[in-house]
Structure formats: structure tokens, C-alpha cells
Amino acid sequence: MADTSIVPTVARHGAHRLVAVDIDSYNVALKDNEGFIGDRVGKGAFRKMIDRIRKTLRKGGDDPLDEEETSELSRSDLSTRR
């Protein structure tokens, strides 16, 4: 039998039913043969942000990350640089 519950016009935060969407799960970890998809998306966006910051810093002087490409920096490289 179809779910006949009434869906409010404006849903409360975290609602499981919206006007045009049913939420089946939160934080679903999608994986392919290269690992978790979300890790790559987040890492790419983070590295783009680092590149924008480095470009701005170069205009005023030194790049704190030297000449190494952002894509070549590891997580530990970024956390230990000052």
C-alpha cells in the first residue's frame, strides 16, 4: 500500500520526507575501484582552495609551500608546514 501521509509544504530540518524527495539514508559511503568517491571530491576542492590562496600569497611575496605543486603535497606536508 502506498504511503499516504501528508507531507508539509515546508519540511523541518532533517525531515525524512520532502515534497519531491524521500531520504533513504544519510552519509552513504560510495566506493569504486579507487576508494571512496567523497574523499576524492573533497580532496580536489581542498586543493583548488590551496592553489587560490597560494596564488594570492605569491603576489605579495613568498609562497609558504615553496615551489612544489599542490597536487604533489601530502596531508602531512600541509600539516607540518608553518
N, C-alpha and C. Protein backbone atom coordinates (compact mmCIF):
# COMPACT_ATOMS: atom_id res chain seq x y z
N MET A 1 0.84 -1.17 0.00
CA MET A 1 0.00 0.00 0.00
C MET A 1 0.89 1.24 0.00
N ALA A 2 0.53 2.26 -0.73
CA ALA A 2 1.32 3.48 -0.84
C ALA A 2 1.25 4.27 0.46
N ASP A 3 2.32 4.98 0.75
CA ASP A 3 2.38 5.84 1.93
C ASP A 3 1.49 7.06 1.66
N THR A 4 0.45 7.22 2.45
CA THR A 4 -0.49 8.31 2.21
C THR A 4 -0.34 9.43 3.23
N SER A 5 0.78 9.47 3.94
CA SER A 5 0.95 10.54 4.91
C SER A 5 1.07 11.89 4.21
N ILE A 6 0.63 12.91 4.88
CA ILE A 6 0.65 14.25 4.32
C ILE A 6 2.03 14.85 4.54
N VAL A 7 2.61 15.38 3.47
CA VAL A 7 3.93 16.00 3.54
C VAL A 7 3.73 17.50 3.66
N PRO A 8 4.30 18.13 4.69
CA PRO A 8 4.13 19.57 4.84
C PRO A 8 4.79 20.34 3.70
N THR A 9 4.26 21.53 3.41
CA THR A 9 4.82 22.38 2.35
C THR A 9 6.26 22.75 2.67
N VAL A 10 6.51 23.09 3.92
CA VAL A 10 7.87 23.42 4.35
C VAL A 10 8.27 22.36 5.37
N ALA A 11 9.29 21.59 5.05
CA ALA A 11 9.71 20.50 5.93
C ALA A 11 10.63 21.03 7.02
N ARG A 12 10.61 20.38 8.17
CA ARG A 12 11.53 20.73 9.24
C ARG A 12 12.93 20.24 8.88
N HIS A 13 13.94 20.80 9.50
CA HIS A 13 15.32 20.41 9.24
C HIS A 13 15.50 18.92 9.54
N GLY A 14 16.11 18.20 8.63
CA GLY A 14 16.38 16.78 8.81
C GLY A 14 15.20 15.87 8.54
N ALA A 15 14.14 16.38 7.93
CA ALA A 15 12.96 15.56 7.65
C ALA A 15 13.31 14.41 6.72
N HIS A 16 12.64 13.29 6.91
CA HIS A 16 12.87 12.12 6.06
C HIS A 16 12.03 12.14 4.80
N ARG A 17 10.99 12.94 4.77
CA ARG A 17 10.14 13.09 3.58
C ARG A 17 10.06 14.55 3.23
N LEU A 18 10.33 14.86 1.99
CA LEU A 18 10.18 16.21 1.47
C LEU A 18 9.15 16.16 0.35
N VAL A 19 8.79 17.28 -0.18
CA VAL A 19 7.75 17.33 -1.21
C VAL A 19 8.11 16.43 -2.40
N ALA A 20 9.35 16.48 -2.88
CA ALA A 20 9.71 15.73 -4.07
C ALA A 20 10.82 14.71 -3.83
N VAL A 21 11.20 14.49 -2.58
CA VAL A 21 12.36 13.63 -2.29
C VAL A 21 12.07 12.76 -1.07
N ASP A 22 12.47 11.50 -1.14
CA ASP A 22 12.47 10.63 0.03
C ASP A 22 13.92 10.39 0.41
N ILE A 23 14.28 10.59 1.65
CA ILE A 23 15.64 10.37 2.14
C ILE A 23 15.71 8.94 2.67
N ASP A 24 16.51 8.10 2.02
CA ASP A 24 16.66 6.71 2.45
C ASP A 24 17.80 6.53 3.44
N SER A 25 18.81 7.38 3.33
CA SER A 25 19.98 7.22 4.19
C SER A 25 20.78 8.51 4.22
N TYR A 26 21.52 8.71 5.28
CA TYR A 26 22.45 9.83 5.40
C TYR A 26 23.87 9.28 5.37
N ASN A 27 24.80 10.05 4.84
CA ASN A 27 26.22 9.69 4.86
C ASN A 27 26.50 8.33 4.23
N VAL A 28 25.93 8.09 3.08
CA VAL A 28 26.19 6.85 2.37
C VAL A 28 27.59 6.92 1.79
N ALA A 29 28.42 5.96 2.09
CA ALA A 29 29.79 5.93 1.59
C ALA A 29 29.81 5.23 0.24
N LEU A 30 29.98 6.00 -0.82
CA LEU A 30 30.04 5.43 -2.17
C LEU A 30 31.49 5.09 -2.49
N LYS A 31 31.69 3.89 -2.97
CA LYS A 31 33.04 3.41 -3.23
C LYS A 31 33.12 2.87 -4.64
N ASP A 32 34.28 3.07 -5.28
CA ASP A 32 34.55 2.42 -6.56
C ASP A 32 35.92 1.77 -6.44
N ASN A 33 36.50 1.36 -7.58
CA ASN A 33 37.78 0.63 -7.52
C ASN A 33 38.94 1.50 -7.05
N GLU A 34 38.76 2.83 -6.96
CA GLU A 34 39.82 3.72 -6.49
C GLU A 34 39.62 4.15 -5.04
N GLY A 35 38.57 3.68 -4.37
CA GLY A 35 38.31 4.05 -2.98
C GLY A 35 37.02 4.84 -2.86
N PHE A 36 36.91 5.59 -1.77
CA PHE A 36 35.69 6.35 -1.52
C PHE A 36 35.62 7.57 -2.43
N ILE A 37 34.48 7.75 -3.08
CA ILE A 37 34.29 8.84 -4.03
C ILE A 37 34.34 10.18 -3.32
N GLY A 38 33.73 10.30 -2.16
CA GLY A 38 33.71 11.55 -1.42
C GLY A 38 35.09 12.04 -1.04
N ASP A 39 36.02 11.13 -0.78
CA ASP A 39 37.39 11.53 -0.44
C ASP A 39 38.05 12.25 -1.61
N ARG A 40 37.82 11.78 -2.82
CA ARG A 40 38.43 12.42 -4.00
C ARG A 40 37.79 13.77 -4.27
N VAL A 41 36.49 13.86 -4.13
CA VAL A 41 35.81 15.13 -4.39
C VAL A 41 36.27 16.17 -3.39
N GLY A 42 36.29 15.80 -2.12
CA GLY A 42 36.71 16.74 -1.08
C GLY A 42 38.15 17.15 -1.25
N LYS A 43 39.00 16.20 -1.59
CA LYS A 43 40.42 16.50 -1.76
C LYS A 43 40.64 17.45 -2.93
N GLY A 44 39.92 17.24 -4.02
CA GLY A 44 40.06 18.11 -5.19
C GLY A 44 39.64 19.54 -4.88
N ALA A 45 38.52 19.69 -4.19
CA ALA A 45 38.04 21.03 -3.83
C ALA A 45 39.01 21.69 -2.87
N PHE A 46 39.56 20.93 -1.93
CA PHE A 46 40.51 21.47 -0.97
C PHE A 46 41.78 21.94 -1.68
N ARG A 47 42.27 21.15 -2.61
CA ARG A 47 43.50 21.53 -3.32
C ARG A 47 43.27 22.77 -4.20
N LYS A 48 42.09 22.92 -4.77
CA LYS A 48 41.78 24.13 -5.54
C LYS A 48 41.82 25.36 -4.63
N MET A 49 41.30 25.20 -3.42
CA MET A 49 41.31 26.30 -2.47
C MET A 49 42.75 26.66 -2.10
N ILE A 50 43.58 25.65 -1.86
CA ILE A 50 45.00 25.89 -1.54
C ILE A 50 45.69 26.61 -2.69
N ASP A 51 45.41 26.20 -3.93
CA ASP A 51 46.00 26.87 -5.09
C ASP A 51 45.60 28.35 -5.17
N ARG A 52 44.34 28.66 -4.89
CA ARG A 52 43.90 30.06 -4.91
C ARG A 52 44.62 30.88 -3.84
N ILE A 53 44.77 30.31 -2.66
CA ILE A 53 45.47 31.01 -1.58
C ILE A 53 46.94 31.22 -1.95
N ARG A 54 47.57 30.20 -2.51
CA ARG A 54 48.99 30.32 -2.90
C ARG A 54 49.18 31.40 -3.96
N LYS A 55 48.26 31.47 -4.91
CA LYS A 55 48.35 32.48 -5.96
C LYS A 55 48.31 33.88 -5.36
N THR A 56 47.43 34.09 -4.40
CA THR A 56 47.33 35.39 -3.72
C THR A 56 48.61 35.70 -2.95
N LEU A 57 49.13 34.71 -2.24
CA LEU A 57 50.35 34.92 -1.45
C LEU A 57 51.56 35.22 -2.32
N ARG A 58 51.64 34.61 -3.49
CA ARG A 58 52.77 34.84 -4.40
C ARG A 58 52.82 36.30 -4.87
N LYS A 59 51.64 36.93 -5.00
CA LYS A 59 51.60 38.32 -5.42
C LYS A 59 52.26 39.23 -4.39
N GLY A 60 52.21 38.85 -3.13
CA GLY A 60 52.78 39.67 -2.06
C GLY A 60 54.15 39.24 -1.60
N GLY A 61 54.68 38.18 -2.18
CA GLY A 61 55.99 37.72 -1.75
C GLY A 61 56.14 36.23 -1.90
N ASP A 62 56.59 35.59 -0.85
CA ASP A 62 56.91 34.16 -0.90
C ASP A 62 55.69 33.27 -0.77
N ASP A 63 55.80 32.11 -1.37
CA ASP A 63 54.82 31.04 -1.23
C ASP A 63 55.30 30.17 -0.08
N PRO A 64 54.53 30.04 1.00
CA PRO A 64 54.98 29.24 2.14
C PRO A 64 55.16 27.76 1.84
N LEU A 65 54.65 27.30 0.70
CA LEU A 65 54.79 25.90 0.33
C LEU A 65 55.86 25.71 -0.73
N ASP A 66 56.70 26.72 -0.90
CA ASP A 66 57.82 26.69 -1.84
C ASP A 66 57.33 26.48 -3.28
N GLU A 67 58.09 25.78 -4.06
CA GLU A 67 57.79 25.61 -5.49
C GLU A 67 57.05 24.32 -5.80
N GLU A 68 56.85 23.47 -4.80
CA GLU A 68 56.20 22.18 -5.04
C GLU A 68 54.74 22.36 -5.46
N GLU A 69 54.31 21.58 -6.45
CA GLU A 69 52.94 21.63 -6.92
C GLU A 69 51.98 21.18 -5.81
N THR A 70 50.85 21.83 -5.71
CA THR A 70 49.86 21.48 -4.69
C THR A 70 49.45 20.02 -4.81
N SER A 71 49.31 19.53 -6.02
CA SER A 71 48.87 18.14 -6.22
C SER A 71 49.89 17.13 -5.70
N GLU A 72 51.14 17.56 -5.54
CA GLU A 72 52.19 16.66 -5.06
C GLU A 72 52.34 16.68 -3.53
N LEU A 73 51.69 17.63 -2.86
CA LEU A 73 51.81 17.74 -1.41
C LEU A 73 50.95 16.69 -0.71
N SER A 74 51.51 16.05 0.29
CA SER A 74 50.74 15.07 1.06
C SER A 74 50.04 15.79 2.21
N ARG A 75 49.17 15.06 2.88
CA ARG A 75 48.47 15.62 4.03
C ARG A 75 49.47 16.04 5.10
N SER A 76 50.48 15.21 5.35
CA SER A 76 51.48 15.56 6.37
C SER A 76 52.31 16.77 5.95
N ASP A 77 52.58 16.92 4.64
CA ASP A 77 53.28 18.14 4.18
C ASP A 77 52.51 19.39 4.55
N LEU A 78 51.21 19.35 4.34
CA LEU A 78 50.38 20.51 4.63
C LEU A 78 50.22 20.77 6.13
N SER A 79 50.22 19.73 6.93
CA SER A 79 50.02 19.94 8.37
C SER A 79 51.30 20.31 9.10
N THR A 80 52.47 20.03 8.52
CA THR A 80 53.73 20.34 9.21
C THR A 80 54.36 21.64 8.75
N ARG A 81 53.90 22.23 7.66
CA ARG A 81 54.46 23.49 7.17
C ARG A 81 53.98 24.61 8.05
N ARG A 82 54.86 25.59 8.27
CA ARG A 82 54.47 26.77 9.08
C ARG A 82 54.84 28.01 8.34
